Each structure stands twice: as structure tokens, then as C-alpha cells.
C-alpha atoms as a PDB file:
ATOM      1  CA  MET A   1      37.966  -7.625 -26.235  1.00  0.00           C
ATOM      2  CA  ALA A   2      35.512  -7.081 -23.375  1.00  0.00           C
ATOM      3  CA  LEU A   3      34.953  -9.895 -20.950  1.00  0.00           C
ATOM      4  CA  PRO A   4      31.361 -11.038 -20.428  1.00  0.00           C
ATOM      5  CA  PHE A   5      29.756 -10.012 -17.094  1.00  0.00           C
ATOM      6  CA  THR A   6      29.624 -13.663 -15.980  1.00  0.00           C
ATOM      7  CA  SER A   7      33.405 -13.844 -15.894  1.00  0.00           C
ATOM      8  CA  PHE A   8      33.622 -11.216 -13.120  1.00  0.00           C
ATOM      9  CA  PRO A   9      34.301 -12.599  -9.674  1.00  0.00           C
ATOM     10  CA  ARG A  10      31.096 -13.001  -7.635  1.00  0.00           C
ATOM     11  CA  ALA A  11      32.107 -10.318  -5.140  1.00  0.00           C
ATOM     12  CA  LEU A  12      32.624  -7.776  -7.899  1.00  0.00           C
ATOM     13  CA  ALA A  13      29.298  -8.714  -9.510  1.00  0.00           C
ATOM     14  CA  ALA A  14      27.489  -8.307  -6.171  1.00  0.00           C
ATOM     15  CA  ALA A  15      29.104  -4.905  -5.658  1.00  0.00           C
ATOM     16  CA  ALA A  16      28.016  -3.844  -9.146  1.00  0.00           C
ATOM     17  CA  VAL A  17      24.406  -4.878  -8.461  1.00  0.00           C
ATOM     18  CA  ALA A  18      24.437  -3.037  -5.111  1.00  0.00           C
ATOM     19  CA  ALA A  19      25.748   0.111  -6.818  1.00  0.00           C
ATOM     20  CA  VAL A  20      22.996  -0.055  -9.454  1.00  0.00           C
ATOM     21  CA  LEU A  21      20.288  -0.499  -6.811  1.00  0.00           C
ATOM     22  CA  ALA A  22      21.690   2.365  -4.727  1.00  0.00           C
ATOM     23  CA  GLY A  23      21.644   4.585  -7.782  1.00  0.00           C
ATOM     24  CA  THR A  24      17.968   3.825  -8.479  1.00  0.00           C
ATOM     25  CA  GLY A  25      16.848   5.160  -5.109  1.00  0.00           C
ATOM     26  CA  CYS A  26      15.867   1.823  -3.621  1.00  0.00           C
ATOM     27  CA  ALA A  27      15.467   2.279   0.109  1.00  0.00           C
ATOM     28  CA  PRO A  28      14.830  -0.131   2.932  1.00  0.00           C
ATOM     29  CA  ARG A  29      11.171  -0.718   3.778  1.00  0.00           C
ATOM     30  CA  LEU A  30       9.569   1.425   6.428  1.00  0.00           C
ATOM     31  CA  SER A  31       9.307  -0.195   9.870  1.00  0.00           C
ATOM     32  CA  VAL A  32       5.551  -0.010  10.381  1.00  0.00           C
ATOM     33  CA  GLU A  33       5.643  -1.178  13.981  1.00  0.00           C
ATOM     34  CA  ASP A  34       8.012   1.671  15.010  1.00  0.00           C
ATOM     35  CA  ALA A  35       6.567   4.379  12.748  1.00  0.00           C
ATOM     36  CA  ASP A  36       5.281   7.714  14.052  1.00  0.00           C
ATOM     37  CA  VAL A  37       1.836   7.683  12.374  1.00  0.00           C
ATOM     38  CA  PRO A  38       1.044  11.441  12.697  1.00  0.00           C
ATOM     39  CA  ALA A  39       4.483  12.382  11.308  1.00  0.00           C
ATOM     40  CA  TRP A  40       4.092   9.932   8.421  1.00  0.00           C
ATOM     41  CA  GLN A  41       0.545  11.134   7.684  1.00  0.00           C
ATOM     42  CA  ALA A  42       1.698  14.775   7.598  1.00  0.00           C
ATOM     43  CA  THR A  43       4.057  13.987   4.717  1.00  0.00           C
ATOM     44  CA  ALA A  44       2.169  11.158   2.949  1.00  0.00           C
ATOM     45  CA  MET A  45      -1.398  12.479   2.804  1.00  0.00           C
ATOM     46  CA  PRO A  46      -2.044  15.185   0.218  1.00  0.00           C
ATOM     47  CA  SER A  47      -3.250  18.374   1.885  1.00  0.00           C
ATOM     48  CA  ALA A  48      -6.875  19.304   1.341  1.00  0.00           C
ATOM     49  CA  ALA A  49      -9.156  22.076   2.501  1.00  0.00           C
ATOM     50  CA  GLY A  50     -12.377  21.309   4.358  1.00  0.00           C
ATOM     51  CA  VAL A  51     -11.622  17.811   5.683  1.00  0.00           C
ATOM     52  CA  VAL A  52     -14.876  16.507   7.239  1.00  0.00           C
ATOM     53  CA  ALA A  53     -13.509  13.147   8.429  1.00  0.00           C
ATOM     54  CA  GLU A  54     -10.132  11.460   8.593  1.00  0.00           C
ATOM     55  CA  GLU A  55      -8.329   8.565  10.197  1.00  0.00           C
ATOM     56  CA  SER A  56      -4.837   7.100  10.221  1.00  0.00           C
ATOM     57  CA  GLY A  57      -3.139   4.225  11.944  1.00  0.00           C
ATOM     58  CA  LYS A  58      -1.326   0.934  11.677  1.00  0.00           C
ATOM     59  CA  LEU A  59      -2.782  -2.304  10.361  1.00  0.00           C
ATOM     60  CA  LEU A  60      -0.684  -4.900  12.149  1.00  0.00           C
ATOM     61  CA  SER A  61      -2.831  -7.867  11.088  1.00  0.00           C
ATOM     62  CA  ALA A  62      -5.380  -8.770   8.423  1.00  0.00           C
ATOM     63  CA  GLU A  63      -8.194  -7.747  10.814  1.00  0.00           C
ATOM     64  CA  PRO A  64     -10.068  -4.749   9.302  1.00  0.00           C
ATOM     65  CA  VAL A  65     -10.518  -1.448  11.117  1.00  0.00           C
ATOM     66  CA  ASP A  66     -14.070  -0.091  10.941  1.00  0.00           C
ATOM     67  CA  ARG A  67     -15.338   3.433  11.575  1.00  0.00           C
ATOM     68  CA  THR A  68     -18.593   5.335  11.037  1.00  0.00           C
ATOM     69  CA  GLU A  69     -18.981   9.067  10.398  1.00  0.00           C
ATOM     70  CA  GLU A  70     -22.228  11.050  10.354  1.00  0.00           C
ATOM     71  CA  LEU A  71     -22.194  13.325   7.302  1.00  0.00           C
ATOM     72  CA  PRO A  72     -24.733  15.563   5.600  1.00  0.00           C
ATOM     73  CA  ALA A  73     -26.030  14.693   2.130  1.00  0.00           C
ATOM     74  CA  GLY A  74     -23.698  15.737  -0.657  1.00  0.00           C
ATOM     75  CA  ALA A  75     -20.781  14.788  -2.882  1.00  0.00           C
ATOM     76  CA  TYR A  76     -17.429  13.935  -1.315  1.00  0.00           C
ATOM     77  CA  ALA A  77     -13.940  12.947  -2.388  1.00  0.00           C
ATOM     78  CA  VAL A  78     -12.237  10.152  -0.442  1.00  0.00           C
ATOM     79  CA  THR A  79      -8.436   9.835  -0.502  1.00  0.00           C
ATOM     80  CA  LEU A  80      -6.516   6.774   0.748  1.00  0.00           C
ATOM     81  CA  VAL A  81      -2.747   6.420   1.108  1.00  0.00           C
ATOM     82  CA  CYS A  82      -0.678   3.653   2.698  1.00  0.00           C
ATOM     83  CA  GLU A  83       2.946   2.670   3.241  1.00  0.00           C
ATOM     84  CA  GLY A  84       4.758  -0.541   4.063  1.00  0.00           C
ATOM     85  CA  GLY A  85       4.513  -2.640   0.915  1.00  0.00           C
ATOM     86  CA  GLY A  86       1.606  -4.533  -0.565  1.00  0.00           C
ATOM     87  CA  LYS A  87      -1.838  -2.984  -0.823  1.00  0.00           C
ATOM     88  CA  ALA A  88      -4.547  -1.553   1.450  1.00  0.00           C
ATOM     89  CA  PHE A  89      -8.268  -1.442   0.748  1.00  0.00           C
ATOM     90  CA  LEU A  90     -10.926   1.015   1.883  1.00  0.00           C
ATOM     91  CA  ALA A  91     -14.578   0.004   1.535  1.00  0.00           C
ATOM     92  CA  VAL A  92     -17.125   2.808   1.904  1.00  0.00           C
ATOM     93  CA  ARG A  93     -20.797   2.027   2.561  1.00  0.00           C
ATOM     94  CA  SER A  94     -23.915   4.126   2.963  1.00  0.00           C
ATOM     95  CA  GLY A  95     -27.380   2.827   3.799  1.00  0.00           C
ATOM     96  CA  GLY A  96     -26.136  -0.757   3.592  1.00  0.00           C
ATOM     97  CA  LYS A  97     -24.817  -0.273   0.045  1.00  0.00           C
ATOM     98  CA  ASP A  98     -21.246  -0.074  -1.246  1.00  0.00           C
ATOM     99  CA  VAL A  99     -20.545   3.422  -2.551  1.00  0.00           C
ATOM    100  CA  ALA A 100     -16.775   3.155  -3.117  1.00  0.00           C
ATOM    101  CA  ASP A 101     -13.941   0.632  -2.978  1.00  0.00           C
ATOM    102  CA  LEU A 102     -10.404   1.961  -3.067  1.00  0.00           C
ATOM    103  CA  GLY A 103      -7.233  -0.094  -3.352  1.00  0.00           C
ATOM    104  CA  ALA A 104      -3.939   1.717  -2.837  1.00  0.00           C
ATOM    105  CA  ALA A 105      -0.450   0.352  -3.425  1.00  0.00           C
ATOM    106  CA  CYS A 106       1.377   0.853  -0.126  1.00  0.00           C
ATOM    107  CA  TYR A 107       4.257   2.842  -1.557  1.00  0.00           C
ATOM    108  CA  GLY A 108       2.836   6.292  -0.784  1.00  0.00           C
ATOM    109  CA  THR A 109       0.677   6.728  -3.901  1.00  0.00           C
ATOM    110  CA  PRO A 110      -2.771   8.168  -3.041  1.00  0.00           C
ATOM    111  CA  GLU A 111      -5.959   6.683  -4.485  1.00  0.00           C
ATOM    112  CA  ARG A 112      -9.127   8.754  -4.800  1.00  0.00           C
ATOM    113  CA  ALA A 113     -12.841   8.125  -5.314  1.00  0.00           C
ATOM    114  CA  LYS A 114     -16.009  10.222  -5.401  1.00  0.00           C
ATOM    115  CA  VAL A 115     -18.880   9.380  -3.062  1.00  0.00           C
ATOM    116  CA  THR A 116     -22.403  10.808  -3.101  1.00  0.00           C
ATOM    117  CA  LEU A 117     -24.725  10.672  -0.091  1.00  0.00           C
ATOM    118  CA  ALA A 118     -28.374  11.085  -1.084  1.00  0.00           C
ATOM    119  CA  THR A 119     -29.454  11.815   2.499  1.00  0.00           C
ATOM    120  CA  ASP A 120     -27.859  12.820   5.785  1.00  0.00           C
ATOM    121  CA  GLY A 121     -26.600   9.827   7.691  1.00  0.00           C
ATOM    122  CA  PRO A 122     -23.771   7.483   8.498  1.00  0.00           C
ATOM    123  CA  LEU A 123     -20.926   6.727   6.133  1.00  0.00           C
ATOM    124  CA  GLU A 124     -19.197   3.472   7.076  1.00  0.00           C
ATOM    125  CA  PHE A 125     -15.496   2.856   6.411  1.00  0.00           C
ATOM    126  CA  SER A 126     -13.607  -0.438   6.578  1.00  0.00           C
ATOM    127  CA  ILE A 127      -9.829  -0.400   6.011  1.00  0.00           C
ATOM    128  CA  SER A 128      -7.960  -3.674   5.528  1.00  0.00           C
ATOM    129  CA  SER A 129      -4.850  -5.249   4.055  1.00  0.00           C
ATOM    130  CA  VAL A 130      -3.813  -8.840   3.473  1.00  0.00           C
ATOM    131  CA  ASP A 131      -0.241  -7.473   3.312  1.00  0.00           C
ATOM    132  CA  ALA A 132      -0.159  -6.187   6.914  1.00  0.00           C
ATOM    133  CA  PRO A 133       1.640  -4.592   8.570  1.00  0.00           C
ATOM    134  CA  VAL A 134       1.006  -1.275   6.801  1.00  0.00           C
ATOM    135  CA  LEU A 135       0.385   2.348   7.724  1.00  0.00           C
ATOM    136  CA  TYR A 136      -2.798   3.918   6.379  1.00  0.00           C
ATOM    137  CA  ALA A 137      -4.503   7.282   6.250  1.00  0.00           C
ATOM    138  CA  TYR A 138      -7.671   8.491   4.601  1.00  0.00           C
ATOM    139  CA  HIS A 139      -9.678  11.668   4.554  1.00  0.00           C
ATOM    140  CA  ILE A 140     -13.000  12.873   3.202  1.00  0.00           C
ATOM    141  CA  VAL A 141     -13.570  16.354   1.771  1.00  0.00           C
ATOM    142  CA  PRO A 142     -16.533  17.946   0.005  1.00  0.00           C
ATOM    143  CA  ALA A 143     -16.187  17.353  -3.738  1.00  0.00           C
ATOM    144  CA  GLY A 144     -15.866  20.565  -5.650  1.00  0.00           C
END
């Protein structure tokens, strides 16, 4: 007759749980503060031809990072990726209006959105996370 799991000594039960977690690929969280951002970006951000704007960095607090890019009128694809746990958000504005809001889970999964600029001009980006610290990267390419 098999003994129920609860009858195992605590040390053996803990070892069994650790073995299961190790087998599922669970890894320790990335140390954002010590991370090499360009090296991380090179492996985390999907490659794309014709990048017209990009940025990467560390969000060490809930304070957003803002940037403006001058772009010609047209359709673009915006990709956001982050790492470190939690979620990062990228707000994209043109002419004072929201044109895209992306929210990426910070486990290396890219999020994408299409943006259309009716006229030449500035495209404003604001990246933030309430789950800081996180690494982030985004790029903009012509939509094809």
C-alpha cells in the first residue's frame, strides 16, 4: 500500500518539490540592476529590418521614461519587450492623441501594435512599470 505524500518527512517533501521545479525550467529572476542592457536587448528583441527608432534601458522606479521621435507619415509596427517580472507599458501619442498602448508581461514575450501617422511629425513614447525594476526595449519599423 502506498503511503500518502503527507506522511513523507518534511525534508524529503521539500527535496521533491525542488526537483519538480528544477525540471520545469524555473530559473532565478534576472538581476535588473546588474544587467547588461545591450546584451539583453540583442537576445530579447525580435530582429527586424528597417528600424526607424528604438530605445532600451532599465526602469528602476515607477517614474516613466519619455522620448520623442520625428517620423514621416505612414504606417508603423511598434514592438515592446521587457524582463524582470511584472508588466511594462508603452504609451504612444501623436498630435496629442493616443495612437497605441502596449502592455507586455516582463518575461521576454514581445507585444506588438500598429500605428499610423497621418502627417509627418513627432511620435511620443512613454514607457513605465509599476513593477519596477525591469529592463525594457522597443523599436519601430515601417509596417509592411
